[in-house]
N, C-alpha and C. Protein backbone atom coordinates (compact mmCIF):
# COMPACT_ATOMS: atom_id res chain seq x y z
N MET A 1 4.00 2.53 2.65
CA MET A 1 4.39 3.82 3.16
C MET A 1 3.52 4.92 2.56
N SER A 2 3.25 4.81 1.28
CA SER A 2 2.41 5.82 0.63
C SER A 2 1.02 5.88 1.25
N VAL A 3 0.41 4.73 1.41
CA VAL A 3 -0.95 4.67 1.94
C VAL A 3 -0.97 5.11 3.39
N ALA A 4 -0.04 4.60 4.20
CA ALA A 4 -0.02 4.91 5.62
C ALA A 4 0.18 6.40 5.88
N ASN A 5 0.96 7.06 5.04
CA ASN A 5 1.25 8.48 5.24
C ASN A 5 0.39 9.40 4.37
N GLY A 6 -0.46 8.83 3.54
CA GLY A 6 -1.30 9.64 2.67
C GLY A 6 -0.55 10.32 1.54
N PHE A 7 0.59 9.74 1.13
CA PHE A 7 1.37 10.32 0.04
C PHE A 7 0.73 9.97 -1.30
N PRO A 8 0.73 10.89 -2.26
CA PRO A 8 0.33 10.50 -3.61
C PRO A 8 1.43 9.61 -4.20
N PHE A 9 1.08 8.77 -5.12
CA PHE A 9 2.05 7.83 -5.68
C PHE A 9 3.03 8.50 -6.65
N GLN A 10 2.87 9.78 -6.90
CA GLN A 10 3.76 10.49 -7.82
C GLN A 10 5.20 10.55 -7.30
N TRP A 11 5.40 10.45 -5.98
CA TRP A 11 6.74 10.54 -5.42
C TRP A 11 7.65 9.43 -5.93
N VAL A 12 7.06 8.30 -6.34
CA VAL A 12 7.85 7.15 -6.79
C VAL A 12 8.63 7.48 -8.05
N ASN A 13 8.06 8.27 -8.95
CA ASN A 13 8.71 8.58 -10.21
C ASN A 13 9.53 9.87 -10.16
N HIS A 14 9.56 10.55 -9.03
CA HIS A 14 10.29 11.81 -8.92
C HIS A 14 11.79 11.56 -8.98
N LEU A 15 12.50 12.43 -9.67
CA LEU A 15 13.95 12.27 -9.86
C LEU A 15 14.70 12.18 -8.53
N ALA A 16 14.31 12.98 -7.54
CA ALA A 16 14.99 12.94 -6.24
C ALA A 16 14.82 11.58 -5.57
N THR A 17 13.64 10.99 -5.71
CA THR A 17 13.40 9.66 -5.14
C THR A 17 14.27 8.62 -5.82
N LEU A 18 14.32 8.68 -7.14
CA LEU A 18 15.13 7.71 -7.88
C LEU A 18 16.62 7.84 -7.52
N GLU A 19 17.07 9.08 -7.40
CA GLU A 19 18.47 9.30 -7.02
C GLU A 19 18.75 8.81 -5.60
N PHE A 20 17.80 9.01 -4.70
CA PHE A 20 17.96 8.55 -3.32
C PHE A 20 18.09 7.03 -3.25
N PHE A 21 17.22 6.33 -3.96
CA PHE A 21 17.29 4.87 -3.93
C PHE A 21 18.51 4.34 -4.67
N GLU A 22 18.96 5.05 -5.67
CA GLU A 22 20.21 4.69 -6.35
C GLU A 22 21.38 4.86 -5.39
N PHE A 23 21.35 5.92 -4.58
CA PHE A 23 22.38 6.15 -3.57
C PHE A 23 22.37 5.03 -2.52
N LEU A 24 21.17 4.62 -2.09
CA LEU A 24 21.08 3.54 -1.09
C LEU A 24 21.66 2.25 -1.62
N SER A 25 21.24 1.89 -2.81
CA SER A 25 21.74 0.67 -3.44
C SER A 25 21.35 0.69 -4.91
N SER A 26 22.30 0.45 -5.76
CA SER A 26 22.00 0.43 -7.19
C SER A 26 21.17 -0.80 -7.58
N PHE A 27 21.03 -1.74 -6.66
CA PHE A 27 20.24 -2.95 -6.93
C PHE A 27 18.76 -2.75 -6.62
N LEU A 28 18.41 -1.66 -5.91
CA LEU A 28 17.01 -1.39 -5.60
C LEU A 28 16.31 -0.82 -6.83
N VAL A 29 15.21 -1.43 -7.20
CA VAL A 29 14.43 -0.94 -8.32
C VAL A 29 13.00 -0.72 -7.83
N LEU A 30 12.58 0.54 -7.84
CA LEU A 30 11.22 0.86 -7.41
C LEU A 30 10.23 0.54 -8.53
N PRO A 31 9.04 0.07 -8.16
CA PRO A 31 8.02 -0.10 -9.19
C PRO A 31 7.55 1.27 -9.66
N LYS A 32 7.11 1.33 -10.89
CA LYS A 32 6.56 2.58 -11.41
C LYS A 32 5.26 2.91 -10.69
N ARG A 33 4.85 4.15 -10.77
CA ARG A 33 3.67 4.64 -10.06
C ARG A 33 2.42 3.83 -10.40
N LYS A 34 2.19 3.59 -11.68
CA LYS A 34 0.98 2.87 -12.09
C LYS A 34 1.01 1.40 -11.65
N VAL A 35 2.19 0.80 -11.66
CA VAL A 35 2.31 -0.58 -11.18
C VAL A 35 2.02 -0.62 -9.68
N LEU A 36 2.52 0.37 -8.96
CA LEU A 36 2.33 0.42 -7.52
C LEU A 36 0.86 0.56 -7.15
N PHE A 37 0.17 1.51 -7.76
CA PHE A 37 -1.22 1.71 -7.33
C PHE A 37 -2.20 0.78 -8.03
N ASN A 38 -1.85 0.20 -9.15
CA ASN A 38 -2.76 -0.74 -9.79
C ASN A 38 -2.52 -2.16 -9.30
N ARG A 39 -1.44 -2.76 -9.72
CA ARG A 39 -1.19 -4.17 -9.45
C ARG A 39 -0.87 -4.44 -7.98
N ILE A 40 0.10 -3.73 -7.43
CA ILE A 40 0.57 -4.04 -6.08
C ILE A 40 -0.46 -3.67 -5.03
N LEU A 41 -1.01 -2.47 -5.08
CA LEU A 41 -1.98 -2.05 -4.08
C LEU A 41 -3.25 -2.90 -4.16
N ASN A 42 -3.72 -3.19 -5.36
CA ASN A 42 -4.91 -4.04 -5.50
C ASN A 42 -4.67 -5.44 -4.96
N ARG A 43 -3.50 -6.02 -5.25
CA ARG A 43 -3.18 -7.36 -4.75
C ARG A 43 -3.12 -7.38 -3.23
N GLU A 44 -2.47 -6.39 -2.65
CA GLU A 44 -2.35 -6.35 -1.19
C GLU A 44 -3.69 -6.08 -0.52
N THR A 45 -4.54 -5.28 -1.16
CA THR A 45 -5.88 -5.05 -0.63
C THR A 45 -6.67 -6.36 -0.61
N LYS A 46 -6.58 -7.14 -1.68
CA LYS A 46 -7.26 -8.44 -1.72
C LYS A 46 -6.71 -9.37 -0.65
N ASN A 47 -5.37 -9.38 -0.48
CA ASN A 47 -4.76 -10.24 0.54
C ASN A 47 -5.24 -9.86 1.94
N LEU A 48 -5.29 -8.56 2.23
CA LEU A 48 -5.75 -8.11 3.55
C LEU A 48 -7.23 -8.42 3.76
N ASN A 49 -8.03 -8.25 2.73
CA ASN A 49 -9.46 -8.58 2.85
C ASN A 49 -9.66 -10.07 3.10
N THR A 50 -8.89 -10.91 2.41
CA THR A 50 -8.98 -12.36 2.62
C THR A 50 -8.56 -12.72 4.03
N LEU A 51 -7.46 -12.16 4.50
CA LEU A 51 -6.99 -12.41 5.85
C LEU A 51 -8.01 -11.96 6.88
N ARG A 52 -8.57 -10.78 6.69
CA ARG A 52 -9.60 -10.27 7.60
C ARG A 52 -10.80 -11.21 7.64
N ASP A 53 -11.26 -11.63 6.46
CA ASP A 53 -12.42 -12.52 6.41
C ASP A 53 -12.14 -13.85 7.10
N GLU A 54 -10.96 -14.41 6.89
CA GLU A 54 -10.60 -15.67 7.54
C GLU A 54 -10.61 -15.51 9.06
N LYS A 55 -10.04 -14.43 9.54
CA LYS A 55 -9.98 -14.21 10.98
C LYS A 55 -11.38 -14.00 11.57
N LEU A 56 -12.24 -13.29 10.85
CA LEU A 56 -13.60 -13.07 11.35
C LEU A 56 -14.42 -14.35 11.33
N ILE A 57 -14.25 -15.16 10.30
CA ILE A 57 -15.00 -16.42 10.20
C ILE A 57 -14.58 -17.38 11.31
N ASN A 58 -13.29 -17.42 11.62
CA ASN A 58 -12.78 -18.36 12.62
C ASN A 58 -12.77 -17.79 14.03
N ASP A 59 -13.33 -16.60 14.22
CA ASP A 59 -13.33 -15.98 15.54
C ASP A 59 -14.31 -16.70 16.46
N GLN A 60 -13.80 -17.24 17.56
CA GLN A 60 -14.61 -17.98 18.52
C GLN A 60 -15.41 -17.05 19.44
N ILE A 61 -14.91 -15.84 19.66
CA ILE A 61 -15.51 -14.93 20.63
C ILE A 61 -16.61 -14.08 20.01
N GLY A 62 -16.45 -13.70 18.76
CA GLY A 62 -17.46 -12.89 18.09
C GLY A 62 -17.18 -11.40 18.16
N ILE A 63 -15.92 -11.01 18.11
CA ILE A 63 -15.55 -9.60 18.14
C ILE A 63 -15.74 -8.99 16.75
N VAL A 64 -16.27 -7.78 16.70
CA VAL A 64 -16.45 -7.06 15.45
C VAL A 64 -15.34 -6.04 15.30
N LEU A 65 -14.73 -5.99 14.13
CA LEU A 65 -13.66 -5.04 13.86
C LEU A 65 -14.18 -3.94 12.95
N ALA A 66 -13.70 -2.71 13.17
CA ALA A 66 -14.07 -1.59 12.31
C ALA A 66 -12.78 -0.95 11.81
N PHE A 67 -12.76 -0.58 10.53
CA PHE A 67 -11.57 0.00 9.92
C PHE A 67 -11.91 1.35 9.31
N ASP A 68 -10.97 2.27 9.38
CA ASP A 68 -11.11 3.56 8.75
C ASP A 68 -10.42 3.48 7.40
N GLY A 69 -11.08 3.89 6.34
CA GLY A 69 -10.51 3.79 5.01
C GLY A 69 -9.55 4.93 4.71
N TRP A 70 -8.68 4.71 3.74
CA TRP A 70 -7.73 5.72 3.30
C TRP A 70 -8.45 6.67 2.37
N LYS A 71 -8.27 7.94 2.57
CA LYS A 71 -8.92 8.96 1.76
C LYS A 71 -7.89 9.65 0.87
N ASN A 72 -8.28 9.94 -0.35
CA ASN A 72 -7.46 10.72 -1.25
C ASN A 72 -7.73 12.20 -0.96
N ILE A 73 -6.77 12.87 -0.34
CA ILE A 73 -7.01 14.25 0.09
C ILE A 73 -7.19 15.23 -1.08
N LEU A 74 -6.75 14.83 -2.27
CA LEU A 74 -6.89 15.71 -3.44
C LEU A 74 -8.29 15.65 -4.05
N ASN A 75 -8.98 14.53 -3.83
CA ASN A 75 -10.32 14.37 -4.39
C ASN A 75 -11.33 14.23 -3.28
């Protein structure tokens, strides 16, 4: 959700966010901001790159895919 909407990861640690998820369910535990953008985002990026490469290697037709990267609007 953060990447798709261009949100900074700071919203994860905000008190209002924590209270909202506590209201939804006390069993929901959000990852901390650094865990989200370091471990989780990096792992998912590797998974998507691997999946993309597998699909391109096994493509019988030879279609080329182009992707637009996510930009950090603050930098």
